[in-house]
Amino acid sequence: KLNVTEREAEELRLQLRLKQTEHEESHLEMQTKLNEAEKTAEELQLKQTQCELEMRKKLNVTEKEAEELRLQLRIKQTENEESHNKLNAAEKESEELRLQLRLNQTEYEQEMQ
């Protein structure tokens, strides 16, 4: 009867080792899956960061282009104002010359009478 008990004890020890081995394998599989998931998460985070940086670069370029366009618009507006002022000055001078011409004609006509 002692041999049976030793045999049963050995069998139980072997079953326990088998269960421990299965548990360790299962644990290793889960750890491997966790490591893979963490690696995937890190890769996705890196891609997201790269996308954000790219978007910021594009936004900075767009803002720079917008600022350049605003400056060009201000320059054109200033040029337009200067041209408008020159036009007004030329019209005023033209009107003064017409008045002077009329005055001269009137004086001439009076002298001829």
Protein backbone atom coordinates (compact mmCIF):
# COMPACT_ATOMS: atom_id res chain seq x y z
CA LYS A 1 0.00 0.00 0.00
CA LEU A 2 2.95 2.28 0.61
CA ASN A 3 4.08 1.91 -3.00
CA VAL A 4 0.67 2.99 -4.25
CA THR A 5 0.80 6.06 -2.07
CA GLU A 6 4.28 6.93 -3.28
CA ARG A 7 3.14 6.36 -6.85
CA GLU A 8 0.07 8.55 -6.26
CA ALA A 9 2.25 11.20 -4.61
CA GLU A 10 4.68 11.10 -7.57
CA GLU A 11 1.74 11.31 -9.97
CA LEU A 12 0.35 14.27 -8.06
CA ARG A 13 3.79 15.95 -8.12
CA LEU A 14 4.01 15.39 -11.87
CA GLN A 15 0.50 16.80 -12.36
CA LEU A 16 1.44 19.79 -10.21
CA ARG A 17 4.60 20.37 -12.28
CA LEU A 18 2.56 20.04 -15.46
CA LYS A 19 0.02 22.58 -14.16
CA GLN A 20 2.86 24.93 -13.11
CA THR A 21 4.47 24.59 -16.54
CA GLU A 22 1.14 25.25 -18.26
CA HIS A 23 0.60 28.26 -16.00
CA GLU A 24 4.11 29.58 -16.76
CA GLU A 25 3.55 29.09 -20.52
CA SER A 26 0.21 30.86 -20.29
CA HIS A 27 1.84 33.67 -18.30
CA LEU A 28 4.65 33.96 -20.89
CA GLU A 29 2.10 34.06 -23.73
CA MET A 30 0.14 36.80 -21.99
CA GLN A 31 3.35 38.73 -21.24
CA THR A 32 4.35 38.41 -24.92
CA LYS A 33 0.94 39.69 -26.04
CA LEU A 34 1.17 42.55 -23.53
CA ASN A 35 4.66 43.46 -24.80
CA GLU A 36 3.40 43.40 -28.40
CA ALA A 37 0.42 45.57 -27.47
CA GLU A 38 2.70 48.05 -25.68
CA LYS A 39 5.02 48.14 -28.69
CA THR A 40 2.06 48.75 -31.01
CA ALA A 41 0.81 51.51 -28.69
CA GLU A 42 4.26 53.15 -28.71
CA GLU A 43 4.41 52.95 -32.52
CA LEU A 44 0.95 54.51 -32.80
CA GLN A 45 1.92 57.25 -30.33
CA LEU A 46 5.04 57.94 -32.42
CA LYS A 47 2.97 58.11 -35.61
CA GLN A 48 0.49 60.45 -33.92
CA THR A 49 3.34 62.69 -32.72
CA GLN A 50 4.83 62.73 -36.22
CA CYS A 51 1.44 63.64 -37.69
CA GLU A 52 1.01 66.43 -35.15
CA LEU A 53 4.47 67.80 -35.97
CA GLU A 54 3.70 67.65 -39.70
CA MET A 55 0.41 69.47 -39.15
CA ARG A 56 2.17 72.13 -37.07
CA LYS A 57 4.75 72.60 -39.83
CA LYS A 58 2.00 72.97 -42.42
CA LEU A 59 0.09 75.34 -40.13
CA ASN A 60 3.23 77.41 -39.57
CA VAL A 61 3.81 77.57 -43.33
CA THR A 62 0.18 78.54 -43.88
CA GLU A 63 0.38 81.21 -41.18
CA LYS A 64 3.63 82.51 -42.69
CA GLU A 65 2.05 82.61 -46.15
CA ALA A 66 -1.00 84.38 -44.73
CA GLU A 67 1.22 86.97 -43.04
CA GLU A 68 3.14 87.49 -46.30
CA LEU A 69 -0.16 87.99 -48.13
CA ARG A 70 -1.31 90.48 -45.48
CA LEU A 71 1.94 92.41 -45.90
CA GLN A 72 1.56 92.38 -49.69
CA LEU A 73 -2.01 93.62 -49.30
CA ARG A 74 -0.87 96.47 -47.03
CA ILE A 75 1.79 97.41 -49.58
CA LYS A 76 -0.79 97.40 -52.39
CA GLN A 77 -3.21 99.45 -50.27
CA THR A 78 -0.46 101.98 -49.53
CA GLU A 79 0.47 102.14 -53.21
CA ASN A 80 -3.22 102.57 -54.07
CA GLU A 81 -3.56 105.41 -51.56
CA GLU A 82 -0.45 107.08 -52.95
CA SER A 83 -1.78 106.76 -56.49
CA HIS A 84 -5.15 108.12 -55.37
CA ASN A 85 -3.44 111.07 -53.67
CA LYS A 86 -1.40 111.75 -56.83
CA LEU A 87 -4.57 111.57 -58.91
CA ASN A 88 -6.32 114.03 -56.59
CA ALA A 89 -3.33 116.37 -56.72
CA ALA A 90 -3.23 116.13 -60.52
CA GLU A 91 -6.99 116.83 -60.76
CA LYS A 92 -6.60 119.82 -58.44
CA GLU A 93 -3.68 121.14 -60.46
CA SER A 94 -5.65 120.58 -63.67
CA GLU A 95 -8.61 122.51 -62.24
CA GLU A 96 -6.28 125.33 -61.14
CA LEU A 97 -4.76 125.45 -64.63
CA ARG A 98 -8.25 125.59 -66.22
CA LEU A 99 -9.22 128.45 -63.92
CA GLN A 100 -5.98 130.23 -64.71
CA LEU A 101 -6.60 129.71 -68.43
CA ARG A 102 -10.14 131.15 -68.15
CA LEU A 103 -8.80 134.06 -66.18
CA ASN A 104 -6.15 134.67 -68.81
CA GLN A 105 -8.77 134.42 -71.60
CA THR A 106 -11.04 136.83 -69.79
CA GLU A 107 -8.18 139.30 -69.29
CA TYR A 108 -7.19 138.93 -72.94
CA GLU A 109 -10.73 139.50 -74.12
CA GLN A 110 -11.04 142.59 -71.94
CA GLU A 111 -7.79 143.96 -73.30
CA MET A 112 -8.97 143.34 -76.85
CA GLN A 113 -12.14 145.31 -76.34
